[in-house]
Amino acid sequence: MAEGTVLKQVAGRVATLTINRPEKRNALDAATRSAITAALDQLERDPAVRAVIVTGAGDKAFIAGADIAEFEGRAPVDQFRAMSEWSVYQAADRFPKPIIAAINGFCLGGGCEFAMACDIRIAADTAKLGQPEINLGIIPGGGGTQRLPRLVGLGNAFKLLYTGDLIDAAEALRIGLVDEVVPAAELMPRARALAEKIATKSPVALSLMKEAVRASVRAPLDEGLRQEITLFGLAFSSEDKREGVAAFLGKRTPEFTGR
């Protein structure tokens, strides 16, 4: 289904969102940010969808950043008002289902920030990643200064942020910015295979797992451990847990319902 600059396709339990502005290297303008947020909201409420892949149209770019044309002539106060549009990054971060970024080309600025807000990043071997905002005399505004150090460490983050340099997929894998690199032709098949495998798991456990793991980077260890045991209790009392145990003991494949 087409949603303007965002294409949504659901196959089985996996949805794919494609950022569809190839003539702009899939740059994020206000309309596209809003469309992504709306699509994620729809997918969150669709019980048939258990995992989501996000990629870019064409073979040149995942998301090549924000649409710089929108910056021209915008007063600082207008830019601050526009920050509500940047909730797209939080929408990805807080999305309760597994979300995979399939990085098929340039992944820069806001595009890199969006990918970092996803749970798993798989990159084509042709991909280029970076945070080049410094070259415009600004800093990242979609979480780049916060998520990048958590993924790659302070030194690597400062190097990328201070220089604005782009790195290839192999270097991104080495420093931890992406989780897997595959040949470009294998990117979507690999992302789908992973998403489909994840989608066979308990939706209840997946959502609680995501909440627990996110706590590991947002809370002190003691608080995170307390949250984990609380979430464990919720999972343990679910119908999916009962189905999982029964299937294990009965030597059959579980059929999780998300309850």
Protein backbone atom coordinates (compact mmCIF):
# COMPACT_ATOMS: atom_id res chain seq x y z
CA MET A 1 0.00 0.00 0.00
CA ALA A 2 1.30 3.48 -0.88
CA GLU A 3 1.36 6.27 1.70
CA GLY A 4 2.79 9.09 -0.43
CA THR A 5 6.50 9.12 0.30
CA VAL A 6 6.31 5.91 2.33
CA LEU A 7 5.34 2.55 0.85
CA LYS A 8 3.95 -0.10 3.17
CA GLN A 9 3.85 -3.78 2.31
CA VAL A 10 2.74 -6.58 4.63
CA ALA A 11 3.65 -10.18 3.86
CA GLY A 12 2.60 -12.66 6.51
CA ARG A 13 3.73 -11.38 9.88
CA VAL A 14 6.36 -8.98 8.52
CA ALA A 15 5.78 -5.42 7.29
CA THR A 16 8.22 -3.50 5.10
CA LEU A 17 8.29 0.29 5.02
CA THR A 18 10.12 1.80 2.05
CA ILE A 19 11.10 5.46 2.11
CA ASN A 20 10.13 6.46 -1.41
CA ARG A 21 11.93 9.63 -2.47
CA PRO A 22 14.68 8.17 -4.66
CA GLU A 23 15.06 11.41 -6.62
CA LYS A 24 16.06 13.06 -3.30
CA ARG A 25 18.04 10.04 -2.09
CA ASN A 26 15.15 9.40 0.29
CA ALA A 27 15.89 12.54 2.30
CA LEU A 28 13.48 13.19 5.15
CA ASP A 29 11.26 16.20 4.65
CA ALA A 30 8.43 17.06 7.03
CA ALA A 31 5.83 15.10 5.06
CA THR A 32 7.98 11.97 5.00
CA ARG A 33 8.73 12.15 8.71
CA SER A 34 5.02 12.43 9.42
CA ALA A 35 4.24 9.55 7.06
CA ILE A 36 6.77 7.27 8.75
CA THR A 37 5.38 8.09 12.18
CA ALA A 38 1.82 7.43 11.00
CA ALA A 39 2.82 4.14 9.36
CA LEU A 40 4.55 2.93 12.52
CA ASP A 41 1.49 3.87 14.55
CA GLN A 42 -0.70 1.78 12.23
CA LEU A 43 1.68 -1.17 12.39
CA GLU A 44 1.85 -0.98 16.18
CA ARG A 45 -1.92 -1.41 16.32
CA ASP A 46 -2.00 -4.26 13.78
CA PRO A 47 -1.82 -7.54 15.74
CA ALA A 48 -1.02 -9.49 12.57
CA VAL A 49 2.30 -7.64 12.17
CA ARG A 50 5.05 -8.90 14.46
CA ALA A 51 8.20 -7.40 12.94
CA VAL A 52 9.02 -4.46 10.67
CA ILE A 53 11.77 -3.75 8.13
CA VAL A 54 12.59 -0.20 7.02
CA THR A 55 14.59 0.43 3.83
CA GLY A 56 15.01 3.02 1.10
CA ALA A 57 13.73 3.03 -2.46
CA GLY A 58 16.29 2.42 -5.20
CA ASP A 59 19.88 1.31 -4.75
CA LYS A 60 21.53 4.63 -3.89
CA ALA A 61 20.28 5.52 -0.44
CA PHE A 62 18.62 4.28 2.71
CA ILE A 63 17.99 7.82 3.95
CA ALA A 64 20.52 10.45 2.92
CA GLY A 65 19.60 12.73 5.82
CA ALA A 66 17.18 15.57 6.31
CA ASP A 67 15.97 17.55 3.32
CA ILE A 68 18.42 20.45 3.53
CA ALA A 69 16.18 22.63 1.35
CA GLU A 70 13.85 22.94 4.35
CA PHE A 71 16.61 24.63 6.37
CA GLU A 72 16.90 27.61 4.02
CA GLY A 73 15.30 30.73 5.43
CA ARG A 74 13.97 29.02 8.53
CA ALA A 75 14.39 31.12 11.66
CA PRO A 76 15.73 29.43 14.80
CA VAL A 77 12.34 29.68 16.52
CA ASP A 78 10.71 27.96 13.53
CA GLN A 79 13.31 25.22 13.67
CA PHE A 80 12.57 24.61 17.34
CA ARG A 81 8.84 24.42 16.58
CA ALA A 82 9.63 21.92 13.85
CA MET A 83 11.28 19.61 16.37
CA SER A 84 7.87 17.99 16.89
CA GLU A 85 8.31 16.63 13.38
CA TRP A 86 11.48 14.86 14.52
CA SER A 87 9.45 12.58 16.75
CA VAL A 88 9.97 10.06 13.94
CA TYR A 89 13.19 9.03 15.69
CA GLN A 90 11.41 8.47 18.98
CA ALA A 91 8.64 6.65 17.14
CA ALA A 92 11.19 4.12 15.90
CA ASP A 93 12.94 3.90 19.26
CA ARG A 94 9.71 3.37 21.20
CA PHE A 95 8.05 1.10 18.64
CA PRO A 96 7.11 -1.96 20.74
CA LYS A 97 7.76 -4.53 18.01
CA PRO A 98 11.14 -5.55 16.55
CA ILE A 99 12.27 -3.10 13.85
CA ILE A 100 15.14 -3.74 11.45
CA ALA A 101 16.92 -1.11 9.33
CA ALA A 102 17.96 -2.57 5.96
CA ILE A 103 20.58 -0.02 4.92
CA ASN A 104 20.83 -0.15 1.15
CA GLY A 105 23.01 2.88 0.42
CA PHE A 106 23.77 6.31 1.85
CA CYS A 107 22.74 6.47 5.51
CA LEU A 108 23.63 9.97 6.60
CA GLY A 109 22.64 12.51 9.20
CA GLY A 110 18.98 12.01 10.02
CA GLY A 111 19.07 8.71 8.15
CA CYS A 112 21.85 7.40 10.36
CA GLU A 113 19.95 8.67 13.39
CA PHE A 114 16.84 6.81 12.28
CA ALA A 115 18.83 3.62 11.70
CA MET A 116 20.36 3.93 15.17
CA ALA A 117 16.86 4.18 16.65
CA CYS A 118 16.00 0.80 15.15
CA ASP A 119 16.73 -2.44 16.98
CA ILE A 120 18.96 -4.11 14.38
CA ARG A 121 20.94 -2.64 11.48
CA ILE A 122 21.85 -4.75 8.46
CA ALA A 123 23.89 -2.96 5.80
CA ALA A 124 24.62 -3.68 2.17
CA ASP A 125 28.35 -3.83 1.50
CA THR A 126 27.90 -0.73 -0.68
CA ALA A 127 26.43 1.40 2.12
CA LYS A 128 28.03 4.59 3.42
CA LEU A 129 27.22 5.93 6.87
CA GLY A 130 27.98 9.12 8.75
CA GLN A 131 26.86 12.22 10.63
CA PRO A 132 28.00 15.12 8.42
CA GLU A 133 26.04 17.88 10.20
CA ILE A 134 29.27 19.60 11.24
CA ASN A 135 29.83 20.49 7.58
CA LEU A 136 26.67 22.63 7.70
CA GLY A 137 27.72 24.36 10.89
CA ILE A 138 25.16 22.51 13.01
CA ILE A 139 25.00 19.42 15.20
CA PRO A 140 22.73 16.36 14.99
CA GLY A 141 19.19 16.99 16.21
CA GLY A 142 17.62 13.55 15.95
CA GLY A 143 19.56 11.72 18.63
CA GLY A 144 22.93 11.37 16.94
CA THR A 145 24.96 12.78 19.82
CA GLN A 146 23.21 10.42 22.23
CA ARG A 147 22.81 7.12 20.37
CA LEU A 148 26.10 7.11 18.47
CA PRO A 149 28.37 7.02 21.57
CA ARG A 150 26.23 4.23 23.04
CA LEU A 151 26.83 2.13 19.94
CA VAL A 152 30.42 2.89 18.99
CA GLY A 153 32.02 4.42 22.11
CA LEU A 154 33.05 7.99 22.82
CA GLY A 155 36.22 8.07 20.72
CA ASN A 156 34.66 6.70 17.56
CA ALA A 157 31.62 8.92 18.05
CA PHE A 158 33.69 12.08 18.46
CA LYS A 159 35.75 11.19 15.40
CA LEU A 160 32.67 10.79 13.21
CA LEU A 161 30.86 13.81 14.65
CA TYR A 162 33.86 16.17 14.62
CA THR A 163 35.01 15.33 11.08
CA GLY A 164 31.70 14.63 9.36
CA ASP A 165 33.49 11.82 7.53
CA LEU A 166 31.59 8.97 5.92
CA ILE A 167 32.55 5.36 6.59
CA ASP A 168 31.89 2.24 4.57
CA ALA A 169 29.85 -0.72 5.77
CA ALA A 170 32.90 -2.75 6.77
CA GLU A 171 34.14 0.01 9.08
CA ALA A 172 30.63 0.53 10.44
CA LEU A 173 30.53 -3.16 11.33
CA ARG A 174 33.97 -3.01 12.94
CA ILE A 175 33.03 -0.17 15.30
CA GLY A 176 29.53 -1.49 16.05
CA LEU A 177 27.41 0.99 14.12
CA VAL A 178 25.82 -1.85 12.14
CA ASP A 179 25.26 -5.44 13.20
CA GLU A 180 25.70 -7.29 9.92
CA VAL A 181 26.98 -6.62 6.39
CA VAL A 182 25.84 -8.57 3.34
CA PRO A 183 26.23 -8.22 -0.43
CA ALA A 184 23.77 -5.65 -1.77
CA ALA A 185 21.76 -8.26 -3.67
CA GLU A 186 21.26 -10.23 -0.46
CA LEU A 187 20.19 -7.34 1.77
CA MET A 188 16.42 -7.64 1.59
CA PRO A 189 16.35 -11.47 1.54
CA ARG A 190 18.54 -11.48 4.65
CA ALA A 191 16.45 -8.81 6.41
CA ARG A 192 13.25 -10.70 5.59
CA ALA A 193 14.67 -14.02 6.77
CA LEU A 194 15.68 -12.48 10.09
CA ALA A 195 12.36 -10.67 10.50
CA GLU A 196 10.40 -13.82 9.69
CA LYS A 197 12.39 -15.82 12.24
CA ILE A 198 11.77 -13.18 14.91
CA ALA A 199 8.08 -13.06 13.99
CA THR A 200 7.65 -16.70 15.01
CA LYS A 201 8.45 -15.79 18.62
CA SER A 202 5.99 -14.67 21.29
CA PRO A 203 4.82 -11.09 20.65
CA VAL A 204 4.40 -10.66 24.40
CA ALA A 205 7.97 -11.76 25.12
CA LEU A 206 9.38 -9.72 22.24
CA SER A 207 7.77 -6.51 23.45
CA LEU A 208 8.81 -7.09 27.06
CA MET A 209 12.32 -8.07 25.92
CA LYS A 210 12.64 -4.83 24.00
CA GLU A 211 11.53 -2.81 27.00
CA ALA A 212 14.03 -4.59 29.24
CA VAL A 213 16.95 -4.18 26.85
CA ARG A 214 16.17 -0.51 26.31
CA ALA A 215 16.31 -0.06 30.09
CA SER A 216 19.92 -1.25 30.00
CA VAL A 217 21.01 1.98 28.30
CA ARG A 218 18.65 4.32 30.11
CA ALA A 219 18.82 3.27 33.74
CA PRO A 220 21.45 2.38 36.35
CA LEU A 221 22.11 -1.36 36.61
CA ASP A 222 20.15 -1.87 39.82
CA GLU A 223 17.10 -0.14 38.36
CA GLY A 224 17.42 -2.09 35.13
CA LEU A 225 17.58 -5.37 37.04
CA ARG A 226 14.45 -4.46 38.98
CA GLN A 227 12.68 -3.63 35.75
CA GLU A 228 13.81 -6.89 34.19
CA ILE A 229 12.38 -9.04 36.98
CA THR A 230 9.09 -7.13 36.81
CA LEU A 231 8.89 -7.72 33.07
CA PHE A 232 9.90 -11.36 33.56
CA GLY A 233 6.90 -11.75 35.84
CA LEU A 234 4.59 -10.32 33.19
CA ALA A 235 5.97 -12.71 30.58
CA PHE A 236 5.75 -15.65 32.97
CA SER A 237 2.04 -15.03 33.54
CA SER A 238 1.15 -14.78 29.84
CA GLU A 239 -0.75 -17.28 27.72
CA ASP A 240 2.22 -17.31 25.36
CA LYS A 241 4.41 -18.61 28.19
CA ARG A 242 1.97 -21.42 28.86
CA GLU A 243 1.90 -22.26 25.15
CA GLY A 244 5.69 -22.17 24.93
CA VAL A 245 6.15 -24.55 27.85
CA ALA A 246 3.42 -26.90 26.59
CA ALA A 247 4.95 -26.96 23.11
CA PHE A 248 8.42 -27.66 24.52
CA LEU A 249 7.16 -30.54 26.66
CA GLY A 250 5.03 -31.85 23.80
CA LYS A 251 7.93 -31.60 21.34
CA ARG A 252 6.00 -29.42 18.90
CA THR A 253 6.31 -25.93 17.44
CA PRO A 254 4.56 -23.31 19.61
CA GLU A 255 1.72 -21.22 18.21
CA PHE A 256 2.00 -17.91 20.00
CA THR A 257 -1.04 -15.62 20.01
CA GLY A 258 0.37 -12.51 21.64
CA ARG A 259 -1.65 -12.87 24.82
